[in-house]
C-alpha cells in the first residue's frame, strides 16, 4: 500500500530504523514486537504473535509505524528495563486492551510498574487513585509505587497520549502526530530538528541558521542537542 492510499493525518509515520533511532530500542527488537516471530523448541517451530497491531499497513514493502506504535515501544521497553518479565508484559497488554478496548493500551492510559508487575491507574477512587494489577487482576494503592513512565508525555483530557516532549516539557522539541507527520520539530516554529541541526553542522553558527529559518538561536541549540543525543 502507498501512503496516498492511507490517511497519515494525526497518525504520524516512522520507518523501523527511525523508530529505533528515536526510542533507543534495536530495530530487530521492534520488528519482533510488531510483527511477531518464529522460534524452535527441539524440532518444533512455534510462533510468537505481535504484542500489538501496528497503526499503519506495510508501505512499499516496508513496515510502517504510527505515533502510538512509537509510544508503545517506549512503554514496553521501559517495563523491560524496570525488570518486568516478558510474559507479564504480554499478559498485561492483552488484559489492558480488553479492559480499555484499545489497540495500543499502554499509550492511552497512565501505566506504572514496581519492577514485578504492571499497574493501570484509575481516577474514580474517592480519596486516592487505585491501581489495577493487570497481571493478577487485583487492586493496589498508588502510594507505594513511584511514577516513572510518563515524563515528557502529554495527554488529552481523555487520557489519550497526544504529544511527546523528548527533552522534557520545558524544552521546545516535540513529536506531535498532527504536525510534520510526527517527526521531531521545534514546537513554536514547526521546523524539523534534523534540518536545523544539519544546517548548524555545516555553518557552525547558531545565529546564521536562526536567521535562515526564521527561528531563534535557542531553537537551533535545542535541535542540535536533541539530534546529537540521538546519534550518541
Protein backbone atom coordinates (compact mmCIF):
# COMPACT_ATOMS: atom_id res chain seq x y z
CA UNK A 1 0.00 0.00 0.00
CA UNK A 2 1.25 3.51 -0.78
CA UNK A 3 0.96 6.50 1.59
CA UNK A 4 -1.57 8.10 -0.78
CA UNK A 5 -4.00 5.24 -0.11
CA UNK A 6 -3.91 5.68 3.65
CA UNK A 7 -4.52 8.80 5.69
CA UNK A 8 -1.48 9.84 7.71
CA UNK A 9 -3.20 12.86 9.27
CA UNK A 10 -2.96 12.67 13.02
CA UNK A 11 -1.22 9.29 12.87
CA UNK A 12 2.44 10.07 12.25
CA UNK A 13 4.69 7.82 10.21
CA UNK A 14 8.06 6.26 11.01
CA UNK A 15 10.20 3.56 9.50
CA UNK A 16 11.57 0.90 11.82
CA UNK A 17 15.09 2.45 11.70
CA UNK A 18 13.58 5.86 12.56
CA UNK A 19 11.67 4.35 15.47
CA UNK A 20 14.85 2.67 16.65
CA UNK A 21 16.75 5.95 16.49
CA UNK A 22 14.06 7.84 18.41
CA UNK A 23 13.50 5.25 21.13
CA UNK A 24 16.90 3.62 21.52
CA UNK A 25 15.34 0.18 21.01
CA UNK A 26 17.03 -2.01 18.40
CA UNK A 27 15.36 -2.34 15.01
CA UNK A 28 15.40 -6.13 15.32
CA UNK A 29 13.56 -6.00 18.63
CA UNK A 30 10.97 -3.56 17.27
CA UNK A 31 10.26 -5.84 14.30
CA UNK A 32 9.74 -8.78 16.64
CA UNK A 33 7.32 -6.77 18.78
CA UNK A 34 5.18 -5.51 15.90
CA UNK A 35 5.36 -8.46 13.51
CA UNK A 36 5.87 -11.45 15.79
CA UNK A 37 8.44 -14.14 15.11
CA UNK A 38 9.00 -17.88 14.88
CA UNK A 39 11.24 -19.91 17.17
CA UNK A 40 12.13 -23.55 17.59
CA UNK A 41 11.78 -25.80 20.60
CA UNK A 42 13.55 -29.00 19.69
CA UNK A 43 12.29 -29.95 16.26
CA UNK A 44 9.06 -27.98 16.55
CA UNK A 45 8.54 -24.45 15.24
CA UNK A 46 6.39 -22.13 17.33
CA UNK A 47 5.08 -18.65 16.62
CA UNK A 48 5.00 -15.60 18.86
CA UNK A 49 2.28 -13.09 17.98
CA UNK A 50 2.81 -9.32 17.77
CA UNK A 51 2.47 -7.56 21.12
CA UNK A 52 0.09 -5.06 19.50
CA UNK A 53 -1.21 -4.36 15.95
CA UNK A 54 0.63 -1.64 14.06
CA UNK A 55 -1.29 1.57 13.34
CA UNK A 56 -0.21 1.50 9.70
CA UNK A 57 -0.16 -1.12 6.96
CA UNK A 58 3.00 -2.17 5.17
CA UNK A 59 4.03 0.69 2.85
CA UNK A 60 6.20 -0.01 -0.21
CA UNK A 61 7.04 -3.44 1.23
CA UNK A 62 8.34 -1.91 4.45
CA UNK A 63 6.89 -1.95 7.95
CA UNK A 64 5.49 1.46 8.89
CA UNK A 65 4.78 2.68 12.40
CA UNK A 66 2.48 5.38 13.74
CA UNK A 67 2.94 7.70 16.72
CA UNK A 68 1.11 5.35 19.10
CA UNK A 69 3.33 2.49 17.93
CA UNK A 70 6.35 4.61 18.79
CA UNK A 71 4.96 5.32 22.25
CA UNK A 72 4.04 1.67 22.80
CA UNK A 73 7.64 0.76 22.04
CA UNK A 74 8.82 3.20 24.71
CA UNK A 75 6.42 1.78 27.30
CA UNK A 76 7.27 -1.86 26.62
CA UNK A 77 10.99 -1.05 26.70
CA UNK A 78 10.53 0.82 29.99
CA UNK A 79 8.72 -2.15 31.52
CA UNK A 80 11.58 -4.44 30.48
CA UNK A 81 14.18 -2.06 31.89
CA UNK A 82 12.22 -1.94 35.15
CA UNK A 83 12.55 -5.71 35.36
CA UNK A 84 9.04 -6.81 34.36
CA UNK A 85 9.12 -10.21 32.68
CA UNK A 86 8.22 -10.58 29.01
CA UNK A 87 5.41 -12.99 29.88
CA UNK A 88 3.84 -10.43 32.24
CA UNK A 89 4.14 -7.64 29.67
CA UNK A 90 2.25 -9.71 27.09
CA UNK A 91 -0.43 -10.65 29.60
CA UNK A 92 -0.79 -7.04 30.78
CA UNK A 93 -1.05 -5.81 27.17
CA UNK A 94 -3.78 -8.36 26.44
CA UNK A 95 -5.80 -7.54 29.55
CA UNK A 96 -5.35 -3.79 29.19
CA UNK A 97 -6.51 -3.96 25.58
CA UNK A 98 -9.63 -5.86 26.64
CA UNK A 99 -10.27 -3.58 29.62
CA UNK A 100 -9.88 -0.28 27.78
CA UNK A 101 -10.92 -1.53 24.32
CA UNK A 102 -7.80 0.00 22.83
CA UNK A 103 -5.36 -1.44 20.31
CA UNK A 104 -2.50 0.48 21.97
CA UNK A 105 -3.46 0.30 25.65
CA UNK A 106 -0.13 1.37 27.14
CA UNK A 107 -0.27 4.60 25.12
CA UNK A 108 -3.79 5.58 26.11
CA UNK A 109 -3.60 5.25 29.88
CA UNK A 110 -1.05 6.06 32.52
CA UNK A 111 0.75 2.89 33.48
CA UNK A 112 3.20 2.27 36.29
CA UNK A 113 5.39 -0.58 37.45
CA UNK A 114 7.14 -1.64 40.63
CA UNK A 115 9.52 -3.91 38.72
CA UNK A 116 7.43 -7.02 39.28
CA UNK A 117 4.14 -6.31 37.55
CA UNK A 118 2.26 -3.59 35.63
CA UNK A 119 -0.46 -1.37 37.06
CA UNK A 120 -3.17 0.63 35.32
CA UNK A 121 -4.23 3.83 37.07
CA UNK A 122 -7.86 4.75 37.69
CA UNK A 123 -9.02 8.15 38.90
CA UNK A 124 -12.53 7.37 40.11
CA UNK A 125 -11.49 6.35 43.63
CA UNK A 126 -12.77 8.91 46.17
CA UNK A 127 -9.55 9.69 48.04
CA UNK A 128 -6.62 8.05 46.32
CA UNK A 129 -6.05 6.74 42.84
CA UNK A 130 -6.47 2.99 42.65
CA UNK A 131 -4.08 0.86 40.64
CA UNK A 132 -5.18 -2.34 38.98
CA UNK A 133 -2.55 -5.07 38.84
CA UNK A 134 -3.09 -6.17 35.23
CA UNK A 135 -1.36 -9.49 35.77
CA UNK A 136 -3.17 -10.58 38.94
CA UNK A 137 -6.38 -8.58 38.33
CA UNK A 138 -6.16 -7.17 41.86
CA UNK A 139 -6.20 -3.61 43.12
CA UNK A 140 -3.27 -1.95 44.84
CA UNK A 141 -2.72 1.61 46.01
CA UNK A 142 -0.68 4.34 44.43
CA UNK A 143 1.27 5.45 47.47
CA UNK A 144 3.84 2.66 47.29
CA UNK A 145 4.67 2.98 43.58
CA UNK A 146 6.60 5.98 42.26
CA UNK A 147 5.53 7.29 38.82
CA UNK A 148 8.31 6.90 36.29
CA UNK A 149 6.85 6.24 32.87
CA UNK A 150 5.17 9.47 31.80
CA UNK A 151 7.93 12.09 31.93
CA UNK A 152 7.70 14.26 28.82
CA UNK A 153 4.40 12.76 27.69
CA UNK A 154 1.35 14.98 27.17
CA UNK A 155 -2.15 13.54 27.50
CA UNK A 156 -5.55 14.86 26.49
CA UNK A 157 -8.41 15.28 28.96
CA UNK A 158 -9.45 11.74 27.98
CA UNK A 159 -6.00 10.36 28.88
CA UNK A 160 -5.08 9.84 25.23
CA UNK A 161 -1.39 10.33 24.52
CA UNK A 162 -1.09 13.25 22.09
CA UNK A 163 2.50 14.57 22.24
CA UNK A 164 5.97 13.57 23.34
CA UNK A 165 8.45 16.17 24.59
CA UNK A 166 11.63 14.04 24.48
CA UNK A 167 13.81 16.59 26.30
CA UNK A 168 11.06 17.46 28.79
CA UNK A 169 8.17 19.92 28.62
CA UNK A 170 10.47 22.84 29.41
CA UNK A 171 12.18 22.33 26.05
CA UNK A 172 10.83 23.16 22.57
CA UNK A 173 11.42 19.81 20.83
CA UNK A 174 8.18 17.88 20.34
CA UNK A 175 6.80 14.90 18.43
CA UNK A 176 3.16 15.54 17.57
CA UNK A 177 1.35 13.24 15.10
CA UNK A 178 -0.74 16.19 13.93
CA UNK A 179 2.34 18.16 12.88
CA UNK A 180 5.01 17.19 10.37
CA UNK A 181 3.89 13.54 10.29
CA UNK A 182 5.10 13.15 13.87
CA UNK A 183 8.75 13.91 13.14
CA UNK A 184 10.72 15.87 15.79
CA UNK A 185 10.17 19.60 15.34
CA UNK A 186 10.64 22.84 17.25
CA UNK A 187 7.16 23.41 18.62
CA UNK A 188 6.97 27.20 18.25
CA UNK A 189 8.19 27.28 14.66
CA UNK A 190 7.38 23.84 13.24
CA UNK A 191 10.87 23.39 11.77
CA UNK A 192 12.27 19.83 11.90
CA UNK A 193 15.15 19.42 14.31
CA UNK A 194 17.13 17.46 11.71
CA UNK A 195 17.09 20.41 9.29
CA UNK A 196 18.30 22.88 11.92
CA UNK A 197 20.97 20.53 13.24
CA UNK A 198 22.26 19.69 9.76
CA UNK A 199 22.46 23.37 8.87
CA UNK A 200 24.38 24.11 12.06
CA UNK A 201 26.81 21.26 11.40
CA UNK A 202 27.66 22.92 8.09
CA UNK A 203 27.77 26.58 9.19
CA UNK A 204 28.81 26.24 12.86
CA UNK A 205 26.78 29.37 13.63
CA UNK A 206 23.57 29.42 15.68
CA UNK A 207 22.83 32.96 14.53
CA UNK A 208 23.15 32.25 10.80
CA UNK A 209 20.94 29.18 10.96
CA UNK A 210 18.38 31.01 13.10
CA UNK A 211 18.20 33.80 10.53
CA UNK A 212 17.88 31.40 7.61
CA UNK A 213 14.95 29.51 9.09
CA UNK A 214 13.39 32.44 10.95
CA UNK A 215 13.72 30.85 14.37
CA UNK A 216 15.55 31.96 17.50
CA UNK A 217 19.02 30.78 18.48
CA UNK A 218 17.65 28.68 21.31
CA UNK A 219 15.65 26.64 18.79
CA UNK A 220 18.83 25.84 16.88
CA UNK A 221 20.75 24.96 20.04
CA UNK A 222 17.98 22.66 21.27
CA UNK A 223 17.74 20.97 17.87
CA UNK A 224 21.49 20.36 17.86
CA UNK A 225 21.42 18.92 21.40
CA UNK A 226 18.49 16.66 20.55
CA UNK A 227 20.00 15.31 17.34
CA UNK A 228 23.39 14.76 18.99
CA UNK A 229 21.72 12.84 21.80
CA UNK A 230 20.07 10.58 19.22
CA UNK A 231 23.40 9.99 17.49
CA UNK A 232 25.27 9.21 20.72
